[in-house]
N, C-alpha and C. Protein backbone atom coordinates (compact mmCIF):
# COMPACT_ATOMS: atom_id res chain seq x y z
N MET A 1 0.86 -1.17 0.00
CA MET A 1 0.00 0.00 0.00
C MET A 1 0.91 1.24 0.00
N THR A 2 0.56 2.17 -0.84
CA THR A 2 1.33 3.41 -0.90
C THR A 2 0.86 4.36 0.21
N LYS A 3 1.67 5.39 0.46
CA LYS A 3 1.30 6.39 1.46
C LYS A 3 0.01 7.08 1.06
N GLU A 4 -0.13 7.37 -0.23
CA GLU A 4 -1.35 8.04 -0.70
C GLU A 4 -2.58 7.16 -0.49
N GLN A 5 -2.44 5.85 -0.74
CA GLN A 5 -3.55 4.92 -0.51
C GLN A 5 -3.90 4.85 0.97
N TYR A 6 -2.88 4.84 1.82
CA TYR A 6 -3.10 4.79 3.27
C TYR A 6 -3.87 6.02 3.74
N ILE A 7 -3.45 7.18 3.27
CA ILE A 7 -4.12 8.43 3.66
C ILE A 7 -5.56 8.43 3.15
N LYS A 8 -5.76 8.00 1.92
CA LYS A 8 -7.11 7.96 1.35
C LYS A 8 -8.00 6.98 2.11
N MET A 9 -7.45 5.83 2.49
CA MET A 9 -8.20 4.81 3.21
C MET A 9 -8.66 5.32 4.58
N ASN A 10 -7.91 6.24 5.17
CA ASN A 10 -8.21 6.73 6.52
C ASN A 10 -8.95 8.06 6.54
N ARG A 11 -9.55 8.43 5.43
CA ARG A 11 -10.34 9.67 5.41
C ARG A 11 -11.63 9.48 6.18
N GLY A 12 -12.00 10.51 6.92
CA GLY A 12 -13.28 10.51 7.62
C GLY A 12 -13.35 9.65 8.86
N ILE A 13 -12.21 9.19 9.38
CA ILE A 13 -12.24 8.29 10.54
C ILE A 13 -12.24 9.03 11.87
N ASN A 14 -12.16 10.34 11.84
CA ASN A 14 -12.13 11.15 13.05
C ASN A 14 -13.48 11.86 13.20
N ASP A 15 -14.49 11.12 13.63
CA ASP A 15 -15.86 11.67 13.71
C ASP A 15 -16.26 12.29 12.38
N SER A 16 -16.07 11.54 11.31
CA SER A 16 -16.39 11.92 9.93
C SER A 16 -15.51 13.05 9.39
N ARG A 17 -14.45 13.36 10.10
CA ARG A 17 -13.48 14.36 9.61
C ARG A 17 -12.18 13.65 9.30
N ASP A 18 -11.35 14.31 8.51
CA ASP A 18 -10.04 13.76 8.17
C ASP A 18 -9.02 14.11 9.24
N LEU A 19 -8.14 13.16 9.52
CA LEU A 19 -7.00 13.46 10.37
C LEU A 19 -5.98 14.23 9.53
N PRO A 20 -5.11 15.01 10.16
CA PRO A 20 -4.11 15.75 9.39
C PRO A 20 -3.22 14.80 8.59
N GLU A 21 -2.95 15.16 7.34
CA GLU A 21 -2.13 14.30 6.48
C GLU A 21 -0.74 14.09 7.05
N GLU A 22 -0.19 15.10 7.73
CA GLU A 22 1.14 14.96 8.32
C GLU A 22 1.13 13.86 9.38
N PHE A 23 0.05 13.81 10.16
CA PHE A 23 -0.10 12.79 11.21
C PHE A 23 -0.17 11.40 10.59
N LEU A 24 -1.04 11.23 9.59
CA LEU A 24 -1.17 9.92 8.93
C LEU A 24 0.12 9.54 8.21
N SER A 25 0.77 10.51 7.64
CA SER A 25 2.03 10.26 6.94
C SER A 25 3.09 9.75 7.91
N LYS A 26 3.13 10.34 9.10
CA LYS A 26 4.09 9.92 10.11
C LYS A 26 3.80 8.49 10.57
N ILE A 27 2.52 8.17 10.78
CA ILE A 27 2.15 6.81 11.18
C ILE A 27 2.55 5.83 10.08
N TYR A 28 2.26 6.18 8.83
CA TYR A 28 2.61 5.31 7.71
C TYR A 28 4.11 5.04 7.70
N ASP A 29 4.90 6.10 7.86
CA ASP A 29 6.36 5.95 7.83
C ASP A 29 6.85 5.06 8.98
N GLU A 30 6.25 5.23 10.16
CA GLU A 30 6.65 4.41 11.31
C GLU A 30 6.32 2.94 11.07
N ILE A 31 5.14 2.68 10.53
CA ILE A 31 4.75 1.29 10.24
C ILE A 31 5.65 0.71 9.15
N LYS A 32 5.94 1.49 8.15
CA LYS A 32 6.78 1.00 7.05
C LYS A 32 8.19 0.69 7.55
N ASN A 33 8.71 1.55 8.42
CA ASN A 33 10.07 1.35 8.92
C ASN A 33 10.16 0.27 9.99
N GLU A 34 9.09 0.07 10.74
CA GLU A 34 9.07 -0.96 11.77
C GLU A 34 7.75 -1.70 11.68
N GLU A 35 7.72 -2.64 10.76
CA GLU A 35 6.52 -3.38 10.41
C GLU A 35 5.86 -4.03 11.63
N ILE A 36 4.53 -3.98 11.68
CA ILE A 36 3.77 -4.66 12.73
C ILE A 36 3.73 -6.13 12.39
N LYS A 37 4.16 -6.97 13.32
CA LYS A 37 4.20 -8.41 13.08
C LYS A 37 3.29 -9.12 14.06
N LEU A 38 2.46 -9.99 13.56
CA LEU A 38 1.58 -10.79 14.39
C LEU A 38 2.02 -12.25 14.31
N LYS A 39 1.78 -12.97 15.36
CA LYS A 39 2.08 -14.39 15.35
C LYS A 39 1.15 -15.07 14.34
N VAL A 40 1.71 -15.92 13.50
CA VAL A 40 0.91 -16.62 12.50
C VAL A 40 0.16 -17.76 13.17
N THR A 41 -1.14 -17.79 12.95
CA THR A 41 -1.96 -18.88 13.46
C THR A 41 -2.75 -19.47 12.31
N THR A 42 -3.10 -20.71 12.46
CA THR A 42 -3.94 -21.33 11.43
C THR A 42 -5.38 -21.19 11.85
N MET A 43 -6.20 -20.94 10.87
CA MET A 43 -7.62 -20.75 11.17
C MET A 43 -8.44 -21.51 10.15
N LYS A 44 -9.26 -22.42 10.65
CA LYS A 44 -10.17 -23.11 9.74
C LYS A 44 -11.23 -22.13 9.29
N ARG A 45 -11.49 -22.11 8.04
CA ARG A 45 -12.48 -21.17 7.53
C ARG A 45 -13.72 -21.93 7.10
N GLY A 46 -14.85 -21.51 7.64
CA GLY A 46 -16.12 -22.11 7.25
C GLY A 46 -16.54 -21.56 5.90
N THR A 47 -17.34 -22.30 5.19
CA THR A 47 -17.81 -21.83 3.89
C THR A 47 -18.96 -20.86 4.08
N LYS A 48 -18.99 -19.83 3.27
CA LYS A 48 -20.06 -18.85 3.36
C LYS A 48 -20.94 -18.89 2.11
N GLU A 49 -20.82 -19.98 1.36
CA GLU A 49 -21.54 -20.09 0.10
C GLU A 49 -23.03 -20.31 0.35
N ASN A 50 -23.83 -19.44 -0.17
CA ASN A 50 -25.29 -19.60 -0.19
C ASN A 50 -25.87 -20.12 1.13
N ILE A 51 -25.75 -19.34 2.17
CA ILE A 51 -26.36 -19.72 3.43
C ILE A 51 -27.86 -19.52 3.26
N ILE A 52 -28.59 -20.63 3.19
CA ILE A 52 -30.00 -20.58 2.79
C ILE A 52 -30.93 -20.23 3.95
N ASN A 53 -30.67 -20.78 5.11
CA ASN A 53 -31.64 -20.55 6.19
C ASN A 53 -30.95 -20.23 7.50
N ASP A 54 -31.77 -19.91 8.50
CA ASP A 54 -31.24 -19.53 9.81
C ASP A 54 -30.47 -20.66 10.48
N LYS A 55 -30.91 -21.88 10.26
CA LYS A 55 -30.23 -23.02 10.89
C LYS A 55 -28.81 -23.16 10.35
N GLN A 56 -28.64 -23.01 9.05
CA GLN A 56 -27.29 -23.06 8.47
C GLN A 56 -26.45 -21.88 8.96
N ARG A 57 -27.06 -20.71 9.05
CA ARG A 57 -26.37 -19.52 9.52
C ARG A 57 -25.89 -19.73 10.97
N GLU A 58 -26.76 -20.31 11.80
CA GLU A 58 -26.40 -20.57 13.20
C GLU A 58 -25.28 -21.61 13.29
N LEU A 59 -25.35 -22.64 12.47
CA LEU A 59 -24.31 -23.67 12.45
C LEU A 59 -22.96 -23.06 12.05
N LEU A 60 -22.98 -22.26 11.00
CA LEU A 60 -21.75 -21.60 10.55
C LEU A 60 -21.20 -20.69 11.64
N PHE A 61 -22.09 -19.94 12.30
CA PHE A 61 -21.66 -19.05 13.39
C PHE A 61 -20.98 -19.86 14.50
N ASN A 62 -21.58 -20.98 14.89
CA ASN A 62 -21.01 -21.80 15.96
C ASN A 62 -19.65 -22.37 15.56
N ILE A 63 -19.50 -22.79 14.32
CA ILE A 63 -18.21 -23.29 13.84
C ILE A 63 -17.16 -22.18 13.91
N GLN A 64 -17.52 -21.00 13.44
CA GLN A 64 -16.58 -19.88 13.44
C GLN A 64 -16.23 -19.46 14.86
N MET A 65 -17.18 -19.50 15.78
CA MET A 65 -16.90 -19.14 17.17
C MET A 65 -15.94 -20.14 17.81
N LYS A 66 -16.06 -21.41 17.46
CA LYS A 66 -15.11 -22.41 17.97
C LYS A 66 -13.71 -22.13 17.44
N ASP A 67 -13.62 -21.73 16.17
CA ASP A 67 -12.32 -21.37 15.60
C ASP A 67 -11.72 -20.17 16.34
N VAL A 68 -12.54 -19.16 16.58
CA VAL A 68 -12.08 -17.97 17.30
C VAL A 68 -11.64 -18.34 18.71
N GLU A 69 -12.40 -19.19 19.37
CA GLU A 69 -12.05 -19.62 20.72
C GLU A 69 -10.71 -20.35 20.73
N SER A 70 -10.51 -21.21 19.74
CA SER A 70 -9.26 -21.95 19.64
C SER A 70 -8.07 -21.01 19.43
N ILE A 71 -8.24 -20.04 18.56
CA ILE A 71 -7.18 -19.07 18.30
C ILE A 71 -6.89 -18.25 19.56
N ALA A 72 -7.96 -17.83 20.24
CA ALA A 72 -7.79 -17.04 21.48
C ALA A 72 -7.05 -17.85 22.53
N ARG A 73 -7.38 -19.12 22.67
CA ARG A 73 -6.68 -19.98 23.64
C ARG A 73 -5.20 -20.08 23.29
N ASP A 74 -4.90 -20.27 22.00
CA ASP A 74 -3.49 -20.34 21.58
C ASP A 74 -2.75 -19.05 21.90
N LEU A 75 -3.38 -17.93 21.61
CA LEU A 75 -2.75 -16.64 21.87
C LEU A 75 -2.53 -16.43 23.36
N MET A 76 -3.53 -16.77 24.18
CA MET A 76 -3.40 -16.58 25.62
C MET A 76 -2.38 -17.52 26.23
N SER A 77 -2.28 -18.74 25.72
CA SER A 77 -1.31 -19.69 26.27
C SER A 77 0.11 -19.24 25.97
N ASN A 78 0.29 -18.49 24.90
CA ASN A 78 1.62 -18.01 24.54
C ASN A 78 1.90 -16.61 25.07
N ALA A 79 0.91 -15.98 25.68
CA ALA A 79 1.07 -14.58 26.10
C ALA A 79 2.17 -14.39 27.12
N GLY A 80 2.41 -15.37 27.97
CA GLY A 80 3.42 -15.21 29.01
C GLY A 80 4.80 -15.69 28.62
N SER A 81 4.96 -16.19 27.43
CA SER A 81 6.26 -16.70 27.01
C SER A 81 7.29 -15.59 26.90
N ILE A 82 8.43 -15.84 27.42
CA ILE A 82 9.52 -14.86 27.36
C ILE A 82 10.03 -14.73 25.93
N ASN A 83 9.96 -15.79 25.17
CA ASN A 83 10.50 -15.79 23.81
C ASN A 83 9.61 -15.12 22.79
N GLU A 84 8.41 -14.74 23.18
CA GLU A 84 7.49 -14.11 22.24
C GLU A 84 7.93 -12.71 21.88
N GLU A 85 7.77 -12.37 20.61
CA GLU A 85 8.09 -11.03 20.15
C GLU A 85 6.92 -10.12 20.48
N PHE A 86 7.20 -8.94 21.01
CA PHE A 86 6.17 -8.01 21.43
C PHE A 86 6.47 -6.65 20.83
N THR A 87 5.48 -6.07 20.19
CA THR A 87 5.67 -4.75 19.59
C THR A 87 5.17 -3.69 20.55
N ILE A 88 6.01 -2.72 20.84
CA ILE A 88 5.66 -1.66 21.76
C ILE A 88 5.23 -0.44 20.95
N ALA A 89 4.10 0.16 21.36
CA ALA A 89 3.66 1.40 20.71
C ALA A 89 4.62 2.50 21.13
N LYS A 90 5.17 3.18 20.16
CA LYS A 90 6.16 4.22 20.45
C LYS A 90 5.54 5.60 20.53
N ASN A 91 4.25 5.68 20.23
CA ASN A 91 3.61 6.98 20.23
C ASN A 91 2.23 6.83 20.87
N LEU A 92 1.98 7.60 21.90
CA LEU A 92 0.71 7.54 22.61
C LEU A 92 -0.48 7.76 21.68
N GLU A 93 -0.28 8.57 20.66
CA GLU A 93 -1.38 8.88 19.73
C GLU A 93 -1.83 7.63 18.97
N HIS A 94 -1.00 6.62 18.86
CA HIS A 94 -1.39 5.39 18.17
C HIS A 94 -2.31 4.55 19.05
N VAL A 95 -2.14 4.64 20.35
CA VAL A 95 -2.87 3.79 21.29
C VAL A 95 -4.13 4.48 21.82
N ARG A 96 -4.10 5.78 21.94
CA ARG A 96 -5.21 6.52 22.55
C ARG A 96 -6.57 6.18 21.95
N PRO A 97 -6.76 6.16 20.62
CA PRO A 97 -8.09 5.85 20.08
C PRO A 97 -8.59 4.46 20.48
N MET A 98 -7.68 3.47 20.53
CA MET A 98 -8.09 2.12 20.92
C MET A 98 -8.52 2.11 22.39
N PHE A 99 -7.78 2.83 23.22
CA PHE A 99 -8.12 2.89 24.64
C PHE A 99 -9.45 3.60 24.84
N GLN A 100 -9.68 4.69 24.15
CA GLN A 100 -10.91 5.45 24.30
C GLN A 100 -12.13 4.61 23.94
N VAL A 101 -11.99 3.76 22.95
CA VAL A 101 -13.11 2.92 22.53
C VAL A 101 -13.35 1.79 23.53
N ASN A 102 -12.29 1.26 24.13
CA ASN A 102 -12.41 0.05 24.93
C ASN A 102 -12.34 0.21 26.44
N PHE A 103 -12.02 1.39 26.95
CA PHE A 103 -11.73 1.50 28.37
C PHE A 103 -12.91 1.12 29.26
N MET A 104 -14.14 1.36 28.83
CA MET A 104 -15.29 1.02 29.67
C MET A 104 -15.41 -0.49 29.87
N LEU A 105 -14.95 -1.27 28.92
CA LEU A 105 -14.99 -2.73 29.07
C LEU A 105 -14.12 -3.19 30.22
N PHE A 106 -13.02 -2.48 30.46
CA PHE A 106 -12.11 -2.86 31.52
C PHE A 106 -12.61 -2.43 32.90
N ILE A 107 -13.46 -1.43 32.94
CA ILE A 107 -13.97 -0.93 34.22
C ILE A 107 -15.07 -1.81 34.78
N ASN A 108 -15.92 -2.33 33.90
CA ASN A 108 -17.06 -3.15 34.36
C ASN A 108 -16.66 -4.46 34.91
């Protein structure tokens, strides 16, 4: 993805307003220079072809939830490993929006 594509993709994400291009440009450069890496996990993918009725939709949902649960268990079991690679946010502005959206979940 080019810097221009990244900026275009992030238009209107600030309460329907654009973030400053300099800000997005800086984030793009930081990500490009220090790529975000996630642990690779395998995920079984259910078929989404022509889900005809609610029963099939519910069955597919249950299969996908089991996959998500399995992935979450794998991630949590590895969370305490010393050998795991961990990416640290170097700029508070990258983390603040995620915290603002989720902080009430941690309080309850």
